[in-house]
């Protein structure tokens, strides 16, 4: 396969990235000025994210060529490669969210299951009625769905367990008076999910006035009609909320199965 990884435009792009990286000077200056303990973590995250993005770029080039290839072997490898990419995304998202929800027993598998169900349900519907089954759409939409659902699940479980710690005595009192685990934590569940959805809600409220999101910016920069770009962006937000709330609801239900015994006793 002819894979044009190195061209003059790509090399010039790396030069531009180097110029953009100069913004790190004021960023890290202000981090140290404000005594923030995130300098090391930010450096690691920047390096890790850049390497991961470049590796994904290489994978995308190969997948695009597989999808367009007339070679029977490539046509067979194409869906297999897509499945591998999806699994890697789900496992990475599950592990990232798990690190913020370590207080929940068996957090990694329950988060991974939740993300898988929420993402597959949402993407299945979108690709059934709107998007063509092409890698140019499948992989970016999958990444956005998993990434946003991952954040919502992590914030939901983190806030839920934090509230349970603060109100442990109150929960135990309600359970002792005959309340079920769902009844004793219903309000906490609602607060946790509302908190997790707040960043996306705030973005949606200012959509098109203050905030022009990445999907629409990318389409506009690619020369797409503004109205078409806006339609796609609204679709993306439906996807984000659908995948996020389905995944968070499932994660919450599974978490309660481990945080409480079958007899509705606190196991936390």
C-alpha atoms as a PDB file:
ATOM      1  CA  UNK A   1       0.000   0.000   0.000  1.00  0.00           C
ATOM      2  CA  UNK A   2       1.185   3.480  -0.808  1.00  0.00           C
ATOM      3  CA  UNK A   3       1.024   5.315   2.495  1.00  0.00           C
ATOM      4  CA  UNK A   4       2.196   8.943   2.153  1.00  0.00           C
ATOM      5  CA  UNK A   5       3.242   9.471   5.751  1.00  0.00           C
ATOM      6  CA  UNK A   6       5.945  12.014   4.895  1.00  0.00           C
ATOM      7  CA  UNK A   7       5.214  14.944   2.604  1.00  0.00           C
ATOM      8  CA  UNK A   8       6.346  18.550   2.539  1.00  0.00           C
ATOM      9  CA  UNK A   9       2.996  19.664   3.999  1.00  0.00           C
ATOM     10  CA  UNK A  10       3.259  17.147   6.849  1.00  0.00           C
ATOM     11  CA  UNK A  11       6.799  18.255   7.678  1.00  0.00           C
ATOM     12  CA  UNK A  12       5.685  21.893   7.638  1.00  0.00           C
ATOM     13  CA  UNK A  13       2.835  20.891   9.927  1.00  0.00           C
ATOM     14  CA  UNK A  14       5.334  19.665  12.509  1.00  0.00           C
ATOM     15  CA  UNK A  15       7.099  23.020  12.305  1.00  0.00           C
ATOM     16  CA  UNK A  16       3.771  24.736  13.001  1.00  0.00           C
ATOM     17  CA  UNK A  17       3.214  22.416  15.965  1.00  0.00           C
ATOM     18  CA  UNK A  18       6.610  23.449  17.302  1.00  0.00           C
ATOM     19  CA  UNK A  19       5.581  27.100  17.101  1.00  0.00           C
ATOM     20  CA  UNK A  20       2.278  26.321  18.826  1.00  0.00           C
ATOM     21  CA  UNK A  21       4.214  24.487  21.569  1.00  0.00           C
ATOM     22  CA  UNK A  22       5.730  27.839  22.560  1.00  0.00           C
ATOM     23  CA  UNK A  23       2.410  28.474  24.306  1.00  0.00           C
ATOM     24  CA  UNK A  24       3.758  26.052  26.892  1.00  0.00           C
ATOM     25  CA  UNK A  25       5.915  28.884  28.257  1.00  0.00           C
ATOM     26  CA  UNK A  26       3.021  30.990  29.645  1.00  0.00           C
ATOM     27  CA  UNK A  27       1.077  27.805  30.534  1.00  0.00           C
ATOM     28  CA  UNK A  28       3.784  26.369  32.769  1.00  0.00           C
ATOM     29  CA  UNK A  29       4.740  29.795  34.082  1.00  0.00           C
ATOM     30  CA  UNK A  30       1.184  30.245  35.385  1.00  0.00           C
ATOM     31  CA  UNK A  31       1.074  26.666  36.695  1.00  0.00           C
ATOM     32  CA  UNK A  32       4.106  27.329  38.878  1.00  0.00           C
ATOM     33  CA  UNK A  33       2.911  30.834  39.764  1.00  0.00           C
ATOM     34  CA  UNK A  34      -0.365  29.410  41.082  1.00  0.00           C
ATOM     35  CA  UNK A  35       1.435  26.536  42.859  1.00  0.00           C
ATOM     36  CA  UNK A  36      -0.546  23.928  40.926  1.00  0.00           C
ATOM     37  CA  UNK A  37       0.699  20.380  41.358  1.00  0.00           C
ATOM     38  CA  UNK A  38      -0.101  19.294  37.835  1.00  0.00           C
ATOM     39  CA  UNK A  39       3.060  20.207  35.910  1.00  0.00           C
ATOM     40  CA  UNK A  40       4.426  16.645  35.760  1.00  0.00           C
ATOM     41  CA  UNK A  41       1.017  15.167  35.009  1.00  0.00           C
ATOM     42  CA  UNK A  42       0.432  17.714  32.249  1.00  0.00           C
ATOM     43  CA  UNK A  43       3.776  16.998  30.574  1.00  0.00           C
ATOM     44  CA  UNK A  44       3.088  13.263  30.652  1.00  0.00           C
ATOM     45  CA  UNK A  45      -0.452  13.810  29.353  1.00  0.00           C
ATOM     46  CA  UNK A  46       0.761  16.034  26.498  1.00  0.00           C
ATOM     47  CA  UNK A  47       3.428  13.552  25.413  1.00  0.00           C
ATOM     48  CA  UNK A  48       1.121  10.557  25.814  1.00  0.00           C
ATOM     49  CA  UNK A  49      -1.741  12.256  23.995  1.00  0.00           C
ATOM     50  CA  UNK A  50       0.467  13.389  21.107  1.00  0.00           C
ATOM     51  CA  UNK A  51       1.998   9.928  20.642  1.00  0.00           C
ATOM     52  CA  UNK A  52      -1.424   8.253  20.837  1.00  0.00           C
ATOM     53  CA  UNK A  53      -2.877  10.684  18.301  1.00  0.00           C
ATOM     54  CA  UNK A  54      -0.028  10.079  15.858  1.00  0.00           C
ATOM     55  CA  UNK A  55      -0.396   6.308  16.220  1.00  0.00           C
ATOM     56  CA  UNK A  56      -4.132   6.641  15.626  1.00  0.00           C
ATOM     57  CA  UNK A  57      -3.365   8.707  12.527  1.00  0.00           C
ATOM     58  CA  UNK A  58      -1.203   5.908  11.152  1.00  0.00           C
ATOM     59  CA  UNK A  59      -3.972   3.401  11.922  1.00  0.00           C
ATOM     60  CA  UNK A  60      -6.550   5.625  10.191  1.00  0.00           C
ATOM     61  CA  UNK A  61      -4.486   5.835   7.009  1.00  0.00           C
ATOM     62  CA  UNK A  62      -4.190   2.045   6.921  1.00  0.00           C
ATOM     63  CA  UNK A  63      -7.898   1.528   7.669  1.00  0.00           C
ATOM     64  CA  UNK A  64      -8.949   4.003   4.969  1.00  0.00           C
ATOM     65  CA  UNK A  65      -6.803   2.138   2.451  1.00  0.00           C
ATOM     66  CA  UNK A  66      -8.293  -1.192   3.561  1.00  0.00           C
ATOM     67  CA  UNK A  67     -11.820   0.138   3.078  1.00  0.00           C
ATOM     68  CA  UNK A  68     -11.048   1.306  -0.477  1.00  0.00           C
ATOM     69  CA  UNK A  69      -8.941  -1.689  -1.454  1.00  0.00           C
ATOM     70  CA  UNK A  70     -10.145  -4.276  -3.990  1.00  0.00           C
ATOM     71  CA  UNK A  71      -7.902  -6.928  -2.405  1.00  0.00           C
ATOM     72  CA  UNK A  72     -10.134  -9.631  -0.795  1.00  0.00           C
ATOM     73  CA  UNK A  73      -7.700 -10.032   2.099  1.00  0.00           C
ATOM     74  CA  UNK A  74      -7.860  -6.317   2.861  1.00  0.00           C
ATOM     75  CA  UNK A  75     -11.652  -6.417   2.723  1.00  0.00           C
ATOM     76  CA  UNK A  76     -11.575  -9.171   5.359  1.00  0.00           C
ATOM     77  CA  UNK A  77      -9.058  -7.349   7.553  1.00  0.00           C
ATOM     78  CA  UNK A  78     -11.061  -4.114   7.436  1.00  0.00           C
ATOM     79  CA  UNK A  79     -13.931  -5.064   9.821  1.00  0.00           C
ATOM     80  CA  UNK A  80     -11.501  -6.960  12.055  1.00  0.00           C
ATOM     81  CA  UNK A  81      -9.300  -3.873  12.355  1.00  0.00           C
ATOM     82  CA  UNK A  82     -12.322  -1.693  13.098  1.00  0.00           C
ATOM     83  CA  UNK A  83     -13.350  -4.098  15.870  1.00  0.00           C
ATOM     84  CA  UNK A  84      -9.838  -4.004  17.348  1.00  0.00           C
ATOM     85  CA  UNK A  85      -9.841  -0.192  17.320  1.00  0.00           C
ATOM     86  CA  UNK A  86     -13.238  -0.162  19.059  1.00  0.00           C
ATOM     87  CA  UNK A  87     -12.068  -2.590  21.750  1.00  0.00           C
ATOM     88  CA  UNK A  88      -8.906  -0.559  22.373  1.00  0.00           C
ATOM     89  CA  UNK A  89     -10.976   2.641  22.682  1.00  0.00           C
ATOM     90  CA  UNK A  90     -13.450   1.011  25.091  1.00  0.00           C
ATOM     91  CA  UNK A  91     -10.742  -0.541  27.283  1.00  0.00           C
ATOM     92  CA  UNK A  92      -8.752   2.700  27.390  1.00  0.00           C
ATOM     93  CA  UNK A  93     -11.867   4.695  28.237  1.00  0.00           C
ATOM     94  CA  UNK A  94     -12.880   2.173  30.877  1.00  0.00           C
ATOM     95  CA  UNK A  95      -9.453   2.247  32.512  1.00  0.00           C
ATOM     96  CA  UNK A  96      -9.301   6.052  32.472  1.00  0.00           C
ATOM     97  CA  UNK A  97     -12.720   6.330  34.128  1.00  0.00           C
ATOM     98  CA  UNK A  98     -11.823   3.536  36.556  1.00  0.00           C
ATOM     99  CA  UNK A  99      -8.957   5.604  37.983  1.00  0.00           C
ATOM    100  CA  UNK A 100     -11.536   8.169  39.163  1.00  0.00           C
ATOM    101  CA  UNK A 101     -13.907   5.566  40.593  1.00  0.00           C
ATOM    102  CA  UNK A 102     -11.601   3.241  42.528  1.00  0.00           C
ATOM    103  CA  UNK A 103     -13.936   3.308  45.530  1.00  0.00           C
ATOM    104  CA  UNK A 104     -16.478   1.295  43.541  1.00  0.00           C
ATOM    105  CA  UNK A 105     -15.829  -2.470  43.697  1.00  0.00           C
ATOM    106  CA  UNK A 106     -15.144  -4.034  40.286  1.00  0.00           C
ATOM    107  CA  UNK A 107     -15.193  -0.547  38.778  1.00  0.00           C
ATOM    108  CA  UNK A 108     -13.220  -1.387  35.637  1.00  0.00           C
ATOM    109  CA  UNK A 109     -15.485  -4.158  34.288  1.00  0.00           C
ATOM    110  CA  UNK A 110     -18.716  -2.368  35.196  1.00  0.00           C
ATOM    111  CA  UNK A 111     -17.543   0.863  33.549  1.00  0.00           C
ATOM    112  CA  UNK A 112     -16.355  -1.009  30.463  1.00  0.00           C
ATOM    113  CA  UNK A 113     -19.688  -2.819  30.153  1.00  0.00           C
ATOM    114  CA  UNK A 114     -21.591   0.448  30.597  1.00  0.00           C
ATOM    115  CA  UNK A 115     -19.540   2.263  27.956  1.00  0.00           C
ATOM    116  CA  UNK A 116     -19.915  -0.604  25.504  1.00  0.00           C
ATOM    117  CA  UNK A 117     -23.703  -0.755  25.804  1.00  0.00           C
ATOM    118  CA  UNK A 118     -24.239   3.004  25.762  1.00  0.00           C
ATOM    119  CA  UNK A 119     -21.907   3.554  22.820  1.00  0.00           C
ATOM    120  CA  UNK A 120     -23.108   0.656  20.672  1.00  0.00           C
ATOM    121  CA  UNK A 121     -26.767   1.571  21.191  1.00  0.00           C
ATOM    122  CA  UNK A 122     -26.232   5.212  20.242  1.00  0.00           C
ATOM    123  CA  UNK A 123     -23.872   4.623  17.320  1.00  0.00           C
ATOM    124  CA  UNK A 124     -26.011   1.778  16.011  1.00  0.00           C
ATOM    125  CA  UNK A 125     -28.969   4.123  15.692  1.00  0.00           C
ATOM    126  CA  UNK A 126     -26.968   6.990  14.169  1.00  0.00           C
ATOM    127  CA  UNK A 127     -25.356   4.808  11.519  1.00  0.00           C
ATOM    128  CA  UNK A 128     -28.681   3.170  10.781  1.00  0.00           C
ATOM    129  CA  UNK A 129     -30.454   6.451  10.001  1.00  0.00           C
ATOM    130  CA  UNK A 130     -27.828   9.127   9.251  1.00  0.00           C
ATOM    131  CA  UNK A 131     -24.185   8.286   8.660  1.00  0.00           C
ATOM    132  CA  UNK A 132     -22.736   5.962   6.003  1.00  0.00           C
ATOM    133  CA  UNK A 133     -20.794   2.919   7.200  1.00  0.00           C
ATOM    134  CA  UNK A 134     -17.413   4.362   6.287  1.00  0.00           C
ATOM    135  CA  UNK A 135     -14.320   4.576   8.527  1.00  0.00           C
ATOM    136  CA  UNK A 136     -14.178   8.362   7.988  1.00  0.00           C
ATOM    137  CA  UNK A 137     -17.391   8.516  10.046  1.00  0.00           C
ATOM    138  CA  UNK A 138     -17.222   5.386  12.205  1.00  0.00           C
ATOM    139  CA  UNK A 139     -13.933   6.014  14.008  1.00  0.00           C
ATOM    140  CA  UNK A 140     -14.333   9.756  14.813  1.00  0.00           C
ATOM    141  CA  UNK A 141     -17.941   9.306  15.966  1.00  0.00           C
ATOM    142  CA  UNK A 142     -16.972   6.303  18.076  1.00  0.00           C
ATOM    143  CA  UNK A 143     -14.150   8.263  19.672  1.00  0.00           C
ATOM    144  CA  UNK A 144     -16.417  11.197  20.521  1.00  0.00           C
ATOM    145  CA  UNK A 145     -19.125   8.924  21.916  1.00  0.00           C
ATOM    146  CA  UNK A 146     -16.749   6.906  24.104  1.00  0.00           C
ATOM    147  CA  UNK A 147     -14.744   9.941  25.232  1.00  0.00           C
ATOM    148  CA  UNK A 148     -17.733  11.936  26.396  1.00  0.00           C
ATOM    149  CA  UNK A 149     -19.495   8.918  27.911  1.00  0.00           C
ATOM    150  CA  UNK A 150     -16.275   8.072  29.743  1.00  0.00           C
ATOM    151  CA  UNK A 151     -16.149  11.532  31.313  1.00  0.00           C
ATOM    152  CA  UNK A 152     -19.813  11.395  32.351  1.00  0.00           C
ATOM    153  CA  UNK A 153     -19.446   7.936  33.898  1.00  0.00           C
ATOM    154  CA  UNK A 154     -16.270   8.899  35.763  1.00  0.00           C
ATOM    155  CA  UNK A 155     -17.818  12.109  37.134  1.00  0.00           C
ATOM    156  CA  UNK A 156     -21.051  10.311  38.053  1.00  0.00           C
ATOM    157  CA  UNK A 157     -19.375   7.546  40.040  1.00  0.00           C
ATOM    158  CA  UNK A 158     -16.840   9.913  41.618  1.00  0.00           C
ATOM    159  CA  UNK A 159     -19.549  12.293  42.839  1.00  0.00           C
ATOM    160  CA  UNK A 160     -21.834   9.435  43.922  1.00  0.00           C
ATOM    161  CA  UNK A 161     -19.200   7.729  46.082  1.00  0.00           C
ATOM    162  CA  UNK A 162     -18.090  11.068  47.546  1.00  0.00           C
ATOM    163  CA  UNK A 163     -21.671  11.795  48.624  1.00  0.00           C
ATOM    164  CA  UNK A 164     -22.038   8.294  50.055  1.00  0.00           C
ATOM    165  CA  UNK A 165     -18.978   8.866  52.230  1.00  0.00           C
ATOM    166  CA  UNK A 166     -20.341  12.193  53.470  1.00  0.00           C
ATOM    167  CA  UNK A 167     -23.832  10.827  54.149  1.00  0.00           C
ATOM    168  CA  UNK A 168     -22.998   7.287  55.231  1.00  0.00           C
ATOM    169  CA  UNK A 169     -24.789   7.620  58.577  1.00  0.00           C
ATOM    170  CA  UNK A 170     -27.920   8.987  56.927  1.00  0.00           C
ATOM    171  CA  UNK A 171     -27.966   6.171  54.365  1.00  0.00           C
ATOM    172  CA  UNK A 172     -27.530   3.519  57.059  1.00  0.00           C
ATOM    173  CA  UNK A 173     -30.365   5.076  59.060  1.00  0.00           C
ATOM    174  CA  UNK A 174     -32.693   4.958  56.063  1.00  0.00           C
ATOM    175  CA  UNK A 175     -31.747   1.347  55.389  1.00  0.00           C
ATOM    176  CA  UNK A 176     -32.365   0.461  59.034  1.00  0.00           C
ATOM    177  CA  UNK A 177     -35.850   1.990  58.756  1.00  0.00           C
ATOM    178  CA  UNK A 178     -36.674  -0.301  55.853  1.00  0.00           C
ATOM    179  CA  UNK A 179     -35.657   1.703  52.783  1.00  0.00           C
ATOM    180  CA  UNK A 180     -34.131  -0.143  49.861  1.00  0.00           C
ATOM    181  CA  UNK A 181     -30.717   0.798  48.513  1.00  0.00           C
ATOM    182  CA  UNK A 182     -32.347   2.589  45.573  1.00  0.00           C
ATOM    183  CA  UNK A 183     -34.657   4.567  47.855  1.00  0.00           C
ATOM    184  CA  UNK A 184     -31.812   5.517  50.199  1.00  0.00           C
ATOM    185  CA  UNK A 185     -29.585   6.774  47.380  1.00  0.00           C
ATOM    186  CA  UNK A 186     -32.086   8.051  44.802  1.00  0.00           C
ATOM    187  CA  UNK A 187     -31.363  11.712  45.499  1.00  0.00           C
ATOM    188  CA  UNK A 188     -27.604  11.112  45.537  1.00  0.00           C
ATOM    189  CA  UNK A 189     -27.834   9.337  42.182  1.00  0.00           C
ATOM    190  CA  UNK A 190     -29.734  12.233  40.634  1.00  0.00           C
ATOM    191  CA  UNK A 191     -27.282  14.819  41.948  1.00  0.00           C
ATOM    192  CA  UNK A 192     -24.298  12.803  40.725  1.00  0.00           C
ATOM    193  CA  UNK A 193     -25.688  12.417  37.203  1.00  0.00           C
ATOM    194  CA  UNK A 194     -26.778  16.056  36.984  1.00  0.00           C
ATOM    195  CA  UNK A 195     -23.289  17.152  38.044  1.00  0.00           C
ATOM    196  CA  UNK A 196     -21.679  14.890  35.450  1.00  0.00           C
ATOM    197  CA  UNK A 197     -23.887  16.281  32.682  1.00  0.00           C
ATOM    198  CA  UNK A 198     -23.425  19.935  33.635  1.00  0.00           C
ATOM    199  CA  UNK A 199     -20.311  20.622  31.480  1.00  0.00           C
ATOM    200  CA  UNK A 200     -22.071  19.301  28.373  1.00  0.00           C
ATOM    201  CA  UNK A 201     -25.254  21.178  29.252  1.00  0.00           C
ATOM    202  CA  UNK A 202     -23.332  24.432  29.661  1.00  0.00           C
ATOM    203  CA  UNK A 203     -21.688  23.901  26.275  1.00  0.00           C
ATOM    204  CA  UNK A 204     -25.075  23.185  24.704  1.00  0.00           C
ATOM    205  CA  UNK A 205     -26.608  26.344  26.206  1.00  0.00           C
ATOM    206  CA  UNK A 206     -23.894  28.506  24.629  1.00  0.00           C
ATOM    207  CA  UNK A 207     -23.671  26.513  21.384  1.00  0.00           C
ATOM    208  CA  UNK A 208     -23.247  28.815  18.405  1.00  0.00           C
ATOM    209  CA  UNK A 209     -23.086  31.971  20.531  1.00  0.00           C
ATOM    210  CA  UNK A 210     -20.012  31.488  22.718  1.00  0.00           C
ATOM    211  CA  UNK A 211     -18.952  27.947  21.943  1.00  0.00           C
ATOM    212  CA  UNK A 212     -18.345  26.616  18.412  1.00  0.00           C
ATOM    213  CA  UNK A 213     -17.464  22.942  18.939  1.00  0.00           C
ATOM    214  CA  UNK A 214     -14.750  20.931  17.257  1.00  0.00           C
ATOM    215  CA  UNK A 215     -16.875  18.881  14.879  1.00  0.00           C
ATOM    216  CA  UNK A 216     -18.433  21.982  13.330  1.00  0.00           C
ATOM    217  CA  UNK A 217     -15.087  23.791  13.195  1.00  0.00           C
ATOM    218  CA  UNK A 218     -13.530  20.834  11.394  1.00  0.00           C
ATOM    219  CA  UNK A 219     -16.317  20.681   8.835  1.00  0.00           C
ATOM    220  CA  UNK A 220     -16.169  24.430   8.214  1.00  0.00           C
ATOM    221  CA  UNK A 221     -12.397  24.314   7.778  1.00  0.00           C
ATOM    222  CA  UNK A 222     -12.871  21.443   5.320  1.00  0.00           C
ATOM    223  CA  UNK A 223     -15.158  23.664   3.235  1.00  0.00           C
ATOM    224  CA  UNK A 224     -18.547  22.225   4.216  1.00  0.00           C
ATOM    225  CA  UNK A 225     -21.677  24.388   4.018  1.00  0.00           C
ATOM    226  CA  UNK A 226     -22.327  26.075   7.416  1.00  0.00           C
ATOM    227  CA  UNK A 227     -25.889  24.732   7.619  1.00  0.00           C
ATOM    228  CA  UNK A 228     -24.729  21.151   6.975  1.00  0.00           C
ATOM    229  CA  UNK A 229     -21.948  21.577   9.549  1.00  0.00           C
ATOM    230  CA  UNK A 230     -24.498  22.820  12.109  1.00  0.00           C
ATOM    231  CA  UNK A 231     -26.770  19.842  11.420  1.00  0.00           C
ATOM    232  CA  UNK A 232     -23.915  17.415  11.996  1.00  0.00           C
ATOM    233  CA  UNK A 233     -22.899  19.204  15.195  1.00  0.00           C
ATOM    234  CA  UNK A 234     -26.414  18.996  16.631  1.00  0.00           C
ATOM    235  CA  UNK A 235     -26.367  15.292  15.779  1.00  0.00           C
ATOM    236  CA  UNK A 236     -23.087  14.945  17.675  1.00  0.00           C
ATOM    237  CA  UNK A 237     -24.643  16.509  20.773  1.00  0.00           C
ATOM    238  CA  UNK A 238     -27.568  14.106  20.653  1.00  0.00           C
ATOM    239  CA  UNK A 239     -24.998  11.318  20.453  1.00  0.00           C
ATOM    240  CA  UNK A 240     -22.998  12.675  23.369  1.00  0.00           C
ATOM    241  CA  UNK A 241     -26.003  12.947  25.681  1.00  0.00           C
ATOM    242  CA  UNK A 242     -27.451   9.614  24.618  1.00  0.00           C
ATOM    243  CA  UNK A 243     -24.231   7.625  25.059  1.00  0.00           C
ATOM    244  CA  UNK A 244     -23.414   9.492  28.279  1.00  0.00           C
ATOM    245  CA  UNK A 245     -26.738   9.121  30.058  1.00  0.00           C
ATOM    246  CA  UNK A 246     -27.202   5.476  29.010  1.00  0.00           C
ATOM    247  CA  UNK A 247     -23.676   4.569  30.126  1.00  0.00           C
ATOM    248  CA  UNK A 248     -24.003   6.515  33.398  1.00  0.00           C
ATOM    249  CA  UNK A 249     -27.368   4.937  34.217  1.00  0.00           C
ATOM    250  CA  UNK A 250     -26.038   1.434  33.632  1.00  0.00           C
ATOM    251  CA  UNK A 251     -22.839   2.180  35.570  1.00  0.00           C
ATOM    252  CA  UNK A 252     -24.858   3.525  38.499  1.00  0.00           C
ATOM    253  CA  UNK A 253     -27.126   0.471  38.566  1.00  0.00           C
ATOM    254  CA  UNK A 254     -24.175  -1.921  38.434  1.00  0.00           C
ATOM    255  CA  UNK A 255     -22.250   0.056  41.070  1.00  0.00           C
ATOM    256  CA  UNK A 256     -25.163  -0.193  43.514  1.00  0.00           C
ATOM    257  CA  UNK A 257     -25.140  -3.973  43.129  1.00  0.00           C
ATOM    258  CA  UNK A 258     -21.626  -3.980  44.572  1.00  0.00           C
ATOM    259  CA  UNK A 259     -21.977  -1.099  47.032  1.00  0.00           C
ATOM    260  CA  UNK A 260     -24.931  -2.814  48.722  1.00  0.00           C
ATOM    261  CA  UNK A 261     -25.595  -6.427  49.670  1.00  0.00           C
ATOM    262  CA  UNK A 262     -28.646  -8.298  48.319  1.00  0.00           C
ATOM    263  CA  UNK A 263     -30.235  -7.598  51.726  1.00  0.00           C
ATOM    264  CA  UNK A 264     -29.834  -3.827  51.086  1.00  0.00           C
ATOM    265  CA  UNK A 265     -26.996  -3.403  53.578  1.00  0.00           C
ATOM    266  CA  UNK A 266     -24.228  -0.919  52.917  1.00  0.00           C
ATOM    267  CA  UNK A 267     -21.071  -2.611  51.634  1.00  0.00           C
ATOM    268  CA  UNK A 268     -18.898   0.480  51.312  1.00  0.00           C
END
